[in-house]
PDB file of N, CA and C in Angstrom:
ATOM      1  N   MET A   1     112.770 123.283 268.154  1.00  0.00           N
ATOM      2  CA  MET A   1     112.279 122.146 267.411  1.00  0.00           C
ATOM      3  C   MET A   1     113.476 121.287 267.002  1.00  0.00           C
ATOM      4  N   LYS A   2     113.407 120.009 267.282  1.00  0.00           N
ATOM      5  CA  LYS A   2     114.498 119.099 266.990  1.00  0.00           C
ATOM      6  C   LYS A   2     114.195 118.291 265.733  1.00  0.00           C
ATOM      7  N   PHE A   3     115.260 117.830 265.087  1.00  0.00           N
ATOM      8  CA  PHE A   3     115.115 117.053 263.863  1.00  0.00           C
ATOM      9  C   PHE A   3     114.400 115.732 264.146  1.00  0.00           C
ATOM     10  N   ILE A   4     114.620 115.174 265.309  1.00  0.00           N
ATOM     11  CA  ILE A   4     113.978 113.908 265.679  1.00  0.00           C
ATOM     12  C   ILE A   4     112.461 114.059 265.664  1.00  0.00           C
ATOM     13  N   ASP A   5     111.972 115.202 266.102  1.00  0.00           N
ATOM     14  CA  ASP A   5     110.529 115.455 266.085  1.00  0.00           C
ATOM     15  C   ASP A   5     109.995 115.560 264.658  1.00  0.00           C
ATOM     16  N   LEU A   6     110.823 116.057 263.761  1.00  0.00           N
ATOM     17  CA  LEU A   6     110.374 116.310 262.392  1.00  0.00           C
ATOM     18  C   LEU A   6     110.401 115.075 261.509  1.00  0.00           C
ATOM     19  N   LYS A   7     111.316 114.150 261.772  1.00  0.00           N
ATOM     20  CA  LYS A   7     111.462 113.033 260.837  1.00  0.00           C
ATOM     21  C   LYS A   7     110.300 112.052 260.883  1.00  0.00           C
ATOM     22  N   ASP A   8     109.464 112.128 261.919  1.00  0.00           N
ATOM     23  CA  ASP A   8     108.303 111.244 262.016  1.00  0.00           C
ATOM     24  C   ASP A   8     107.065 111.808 261.320  1.00  0.00           C
ATOM     25  N   LYS A   9     107.118 113.048 260.886  1.00  0.00           N
ATOM     26  CA  LYS A   9     105.958 113.690 260.263  1.00  0.00           C
ATOM     27  C   LYS A   9     105.941 113.415 258.761  1.00  0.00           C
ATOM     28  N   ASP A  10     104.759 113.506 258.153  1.00  0.00           N
ATOM     29  CA  ASP A  10     104.665 113.289 256.715  1.00  0.00           C
ATOM     30  C   ASP A  10     104.938 114.589 255.959  1.00  0.00           C
ATOM     31  N   LEU A  11     105.064 114.485 254.642  1.00  0.00           N
ATOM     32  CA  LEU A  11     105.452 115.637 253.825  1.00  0.00           C
ATOM     33  C   LEU A  11     104.460 116.790 253.905  1.00  0.00           C
ATOM     34  N   ALA A  12     103.170 116.490 253.883  1.00  0.00           N
ATOM     35  CA  ALA A  12     102.166 117.559 253.924  1.00  0.00           C
ATOM     36  C   ALA A  12     102.270 118.351 255.220  1.00  0.00           C
ATOM     37  N   GLU A  13     102.468 117.646 256.308  1.00  0.00           N
ATOM     38  CA  GLU A  13     102.585 118.327 257.600  1.00  0.00           C
ATOM     39  C   GLU A  13     103.867 119.151 257.675  1.00  0.00           C
ATOM     40  N   LEU A  14     104.954 118.629 257.110  1.00  0.00           N
ATOM     41  CA  LEU A  14     106.213 119.377 257.091  1.00  0.00           C
ATOM     42  C   LEU A  14     106.087 120.656 256.269  1.00  0.00           C
ATOM     43  N   HIS A  15     105.376 120.574 255.138  1.00  0.00           N
ATOM     44  CA  HIS A  15     105.175 121.775 254.319  1.00  0.00           C
ATOM     45  C   HIS A  15     104.325 122.811 255.051  1.00  0.00           C
ATOM     46  N   LYS A  16     103.358 122.355 255.822  1.00  0.00           N
ATOM     47  CA  LYS A  16     102.525 123.279 256.590  1.00  0.00           C
ATOM     48  C   LYS A  16     103.350 123.970 257.677  1.00  0.00           C
ATOM     49  N   ILE A  17     104.178 123.205 258.363  1.00  0.00           N
ATOM     50  CA  ILE A  17     105.039 123.776 259.408  1.00  0.00           C
ATOM     51  C   ILE A  17     106.018 124.762 258.788  1.00  0.00           C
ATOM     52  N   LEU A  18     106.552 124.416 257.610  1.00  0.00           N
ATOM     53  CA  LEU A  18     107.493 125.305 256.924  1.00  0.00           C
ATOM     54  C   LEU A  18     106.829 126.636 256.576  1.00  0.00           C
ATOM     55  N   LYS A  19     105.612 126.576 256.084  1.00  0.00           N
ATOM     56  CA  LYS A  19     104.878 127.800 255.738  1.00  0.00           C
ATOM     57  C   LYS A  19     104.656 128.665 256.981  1.00  0.00           C
ATOM     58  N   ASP A  20     104.294 128.027 258.091  1.00  0.00           N
ATOM     59  CA  ASP A  20     104.087 128.761 259.339  1.00  0.00           C
ATOM     60  C   ASP A  20     105.375 129.425 259.819  1.00  0.00           C
ATOM     61  N   LYS A  21     106.477 128.701 259.738  1.00  0.00           N
ATOM     62  CA  LYS A  21     107.764 129.239 260.199  1.00  0.00           C
ATOM     63  C   LYS A  21     108.223 130.394 259.317  1.00  0.00           C
ATOM     64  N   LYS A  22     107.965 130.292 258.017  1.00  0.00           N
ATOM     65  CA  LYS A  22     108.356 131.381 257.119  1.00  0.00           C
ATOM     66  C   LYS A  22     107.547 132.649 257.400  1.00  0.00           C
ATOM     67  N   SER A  23     106.262 132.484 257.700  1.00  0.00           N
ATOM     68  CA  SER A  23     105.461 133.664 258.033  1.00  0.00           C
ATOM     69  C   SER A  23     105.891 134.230 259.384  1.00  0.00           C
ATOM     70  N   GLU A  24     106.272 133.357 260.305  1.00  0.00           N
ATOM     71  CA  GLU A  24     106.774 133.833 261.603  1.00  0.00           C
ATOM     72  C   GLU A  24     108.069 134.617 261.413  1.00  0.00           C
ATOM     73  N   LEU A  25     108.942 134.130 260.530  1.00  0.00           N
ATOM     74  CA  LEU A  25     110.189 134.838 260.256  1.00  0.00           C
ATOM     75  C   LEU A  25     109.911 136.207 259.642  1.00  0.00           C
ATOM     76  N   PHE A  26     108.946 136.284 258.746  1.00  0.00           N
ATOM     77  CA  PHE A  26     108.574 137.555 258.134  1.00  0.00           C
ATOM     78  C   PHE A  26     108.097 138.547 259.198  1.00  0.00           C
ATOM     79  N   GLU A  27     107.242 138.066 260.108  1.00  0.00           N
ATOM     80  CA  GLU A  27     106.738 138.939 261.168  1.00  0.00           C
ATOM     81  C   GLU A  27     107.859 139.400 262.096  1.00  0.00           C
ATOM     82  N   LEU A  28     108.803 138.520 262.391  1.00  0.00           N
ATOM     83  CA  LEU A  28     109.919 138.903 263.247  1.00  0.00           C
ATOM     84  C   LEU A  28     110.793 139.952 262.579  1.00  0.00           C
ATOM     85  N   ARG A  29     110.998 139.814 261.277  1.00  0.00           N
ATOM     86  CA  ARG A  29     111.795 140.808 260.559  1.00  0.00           C
ATOM     87  C   ARG A  29     111.094 142.154 260.522  1.00  0.00           C
ATOM     88  N   LEU A  30     109.762 142.141 260.376  1.00  0.00           N
ATOM     89  CA  LEU A  30     109.021 143.402 260.425  1.00  0.00           C
ATOM     90  C   LEU A  30     109.156 144.059 261.793  1.00  0.00           C
ATOM     91  N   LYS A  31     109.030 143.264 262.843  1.00  0.00           N
ATOM     92  CA  LYS A  31     109.160 143.799 264.201  1.00  0.00           C
ATOM     93  C   LYS A  31     110.558 144.338 264.439  1.00  0.00           C
ATOM     94  N   LEU A  32     111.561 143.679 263.857  1.00  0.00           N
ATOM     95  CA  LEU A  32     112.937 144.156 264.015  1.00  0.00           C
ATOM     96  C   LEU A  32     113.110 145.523 263.368  1.00  0.00           C
ATOM     97  N   LYS A  33     112.532 145.697 262.188  1.00  0.00           N
ATOM     98  CA  LYS A  33     112.667 146.974 261.478  1.00  0.00           C
ATOM     99  C   LYS A  33     111.895 148.102 262.165  1.00  0.00           C
ATOM    100  N   THR A  34     110.804 147.761 262.828  1.00  0.00           N
ATOM    101  CA  THR A  34     110.008 148.797 263.486  1.00  0.00           C
ATOM    102  C   THR A  34     110.373 148.941 264.964  1.00  0.00           C
ATOM    103  N   MET A  35     111.481 148.299 265.348  1.00  0.00           N
ATOM    104  CA  MET A  35     112.027 148.398 266.716  1.00  0.00           C
ATOM    105  C   MET A  35     111.058 147.846 267.769  1.00  0.00           C
ATOM    106  N   GLN A  36     110.279 146.846 267.427  1.00  0.00           N
ATOM    107  CA  GLN A  36     109.356 146.242 268.375  1.00  0.00           C
ATOM    108  C   GLN A  36     109.844 144.896 268.884  1.00  0.00           C
ATOM    109  N   LEU A  37     110.945 144.388 268.306  1.00  0.00           N
ATOM    110  CA  LEU A  37     111.463 143.073 268.672  1.00  0.00           C
ATOM    111  C   LEU A  37     112.407 143.222 269.860  1.00  0.00           C
ATOM    112  N   THR A  38     112.080 142.547 270.952  1.00  0.00           N
ATOM    113  CA  THR A  38     112.909 142.666 272.150  1.00  0.00           C
ATOM    114  C   THR A  38     114.069 141.680 272.153  1.00  0.00           C
ATOM    115  N   ASN A  39     113.915 140.545 271.468  1.00  0.00           N
ATOM    116  CA  ASN A  39     114.955 139.524 271.454  1.00  0.00           C
ATOM    117  C   ASN A  39     115.317 139.172 270.007  1.00  0.00           C
ATOM    118  N   PRO A  40     116.343 139.832 269.443  1.00  0.00           N
ATOM    119  CA  PRO A  40     116.692 139.591 268.040  1.00  0.00           C
ATOM    120  C   PRO A  40     117.203 138.174 267.765  1.00  0.00           C
ATOM    121  N   SER A  41     117.604 137.444 268.777  1.00  0.00           N
ATOM    122  CA  SER A  41     118.100 136.089 268.546  1.00  0.00           C
ATOM    123  C   SER A  41     116.982 135.136 268.142  1.00  0.00           C
ATOM    124  N   GLN A  42     115.738 135.567 268.283  1.00  0.00           N
ATOM    125  CA  GLN A  42     114.603 134.752 267.833  1.00  0.00           C
ATOM    126  C   GLN A  42     114.666 134.515 266.329  1.00  0.00           C
ATOM    127  N   ILE A  43     115.201 135.479 265.594  1.00  0.00           N
ATOM    128  CA  ILE A  43     115.296 135.351 264.142  1.00  0.00           C
ATOM    129  C   ILE A  43     116.214 134.187 263.784  1.00  0.00           C
ATOM    130  N   ALA A  44     117.340 134.077 264.456  1.00  0.00           N
ATOM    131  CA  ALA A  44     118.276 132.989 264.187  1.00  0.00           C
ATOM    132  C   ALA A  44     117.662 131.636 264.535  1.00  0.00           C
ATOM    133  N   ILE A  45     116.903 131.593 265.612  1.00  0.00           N
ATOM    134  CA  ILE A  45     116.263 130.342 266.020  1.00  0.00           C
ATOM    135  C   ILE A  45     115.264 129.885 264.963  1.00  0.00           C
ATOM    136  N   VAL A  46     114.457 130.812 264.457  1.00  0.00           N
ATOM    137  CA  VAL A  46     113.451 130.466 263.445  1.00  0.00           C
ATOM    138  C   VAL A  46     114.135 130.057 262.141  1.00  0.00           C
ATOM    139  N   ARG A  47     115.236 130.725 261.785  1.00  0.00           N
ATOM    140  CA  ARG A  47     115.962 130.354 260.566  1.00  0.00           C
ATOM    141  C   ARG A  47     116.529 128.947 260.676  1.00  0.00           C
ATOM    142  N   LYS A  48     117.024 128.587 261.842  1.00  0.00           N
ATOM    143  CA  LYS A  48     117.542 127.231 262.044  1.00  0.00           C
ATOM    144  C   LYS A  48     116.419 126.205 261.981  1.00  0.00           C
ATOM    145  N   ASP A  49     115.251 126.563 262.516  1.00  0.00           N
ATOM    146  CA  ASP A  49     114.094 125.661 262.429  1.00  0.00           C
ATOM    147  C   ASP A  49     113.701 125.425 260.970  1.00  0.00           C
ATOM    148  N   ILE A  50     113.722 126.498 260.176  1.00  0.00           N
ATOM    149  CA  ILE A  50     113.386 126.381 258.756  1.00  0.00           C
ATOM    150  C   ILE A  50     114.390 125.461 258.060  1.00  0.00           C
ATOM    151  N   ALA A  51     115.662 125.593 258.404  1.00  0.00           N
ATOM    152  CA  ALA A  51     116.687 124.733 257.800  1.00  0.00           C
ATOM    153  C   ALA A  51     116.465 123.273 258.190  1.00  0.00           C
ATOM    154  N   ARG A  52     116.098 123.037 259.447  1.00  0.00           N
ATOM    155  CA  ARG A  52     115.828 121.666 259.887  1.00  0.00           C
ATOM    156  C   ARG A  52     114.636 121.071 259.142  1.00  0.00           C
ATOM    157  N   ILE A  53     113.600 121.886 258.947  1.00  0.00           N
ATOM    158  CA  ILE A  53     112.413 121.410 258.240  1.00  0.00           C
ATOM    159  C   ILE A  53     112.760 121.092 256.785  1.00  0.00           C
ATOM    160  N   ASN A  54     113.549 121.965 256.154  1.00  0.00           N
ATOM    161  CA  ASN A  54     113.952 121.710 254.768  1.00  0.00           C
ATOM    162  C   ASN A  54     114.791 120.438 254.665  1.00  0.00           C
ATOM    163  N   THR A  55     115.638 120.194 255.652  1.00  0.00           N
ATOM    164  CA  THR A  55     116.431 118.973 255.672  1.00  0.00           C
ATOM    165  C   THR A  55     115.540 117.749 255.798  1.00  0.00           C
ATOM    166  N   ALA A  56     114.531 117.830 256.658  1.00  0.00           N
ATOM    167  CA  ALA A  56     113.601 116.705 256.838  1.00  0.00           C
ATOM    168  C   ALA A  56     112.817 116.454 255.549  1.00  0.00           C
ATOM    169  N   ILE A  57     112.414 117.513 254.859  1.00  0.00           N
ATOM    170  CA  ILE A  57     111.679 117.372 253.607  1.00  0.00           C
ATOM    171  C   ILE A  57     112.552 116.701 252.548  1.00  0.00           C
ATOM    172  N   SER A  58     113.796 117.140 252.429  1.00  0.00           N
ATOM    173  CA  SER A  58     114.666 116.534 251.422  1.00  0.00           C
ATOM    174  C   SER A  58     115.004 115.086 251.778  1.00  0.00           C
ATOM    175  N   ALA A  59     115.110 114.764 253.057  1.00  0.00           N
ATOM    176  CA  ALA A  59     115.360 113.375 253.464  1.00  0.00           C
ATOM    177  C   ALA A  59     114.154 112.495 253.117  1.00  0.00           C
ATOM    178  N   LYS A  60     112.950 113.023 253.290  1.00  0.00           N
ATOM    179  CA  LYS A  60     111.737 112.263 252.934  1.00  0.00           C
ATOM    180  C   LYS A  60     111.666 112.027 251.424  1.00  0.00           C
ATOM    181  N   LYS A  61     112.050 113.042 250.634  1.00  0.00           N
ATOM    182  CA  LYS A  61     111.986 112.906 249.181  1.00  0.00           C
ATOM    183  C   LYS A  61     113.032 111.904 248.681  1.00  0.00           C
ATOM    184  N   ASP A  62     114.195 111.847 249.330  1.00  0.00           N
ATOM    185  CA  ASP A  62     115.239 110.912 248.915  1.00  0.00           C
ATOM    186  C   ASP A  62     114.853 109.479 249.214  1.00  0.00           C
ATOM    187  N   ASN A  63     114.076 109.253 250.268  1.00  0.00           N
ATOM    188  CA  ASN A  63     113.684 107.895 250.655  1.00  0.00           C
ATOM    189  C   ASN A  63     112.628 107.319 249.728  1.00  0.00           C
ATOM    190  N   LYS A  64     111.878 108.167 249.052  1.00  0.00           N
ATOM    191  CA  LYS A  64     110.785 107.676 248.193  1.00  0.00           C
ATOM    192  C   LYS A  64     111.233 107.475 246.789  1.00  0.00           C
TER     193      LYS A  64
END
């Protein structure tokens, strides 16, 4: 997910995406602990997506 894709969305949609990504991160961490995760680098990708979403949210709040 790129920042360019996120900056066109409104705040409500960004919060929904953030909630989804956080639950995805939780599930990935559970799979990692139970040895079911085949690609541990997925966790880093989801964490970076969450950071991008938080950046987009704070940029939207600063503009208003």
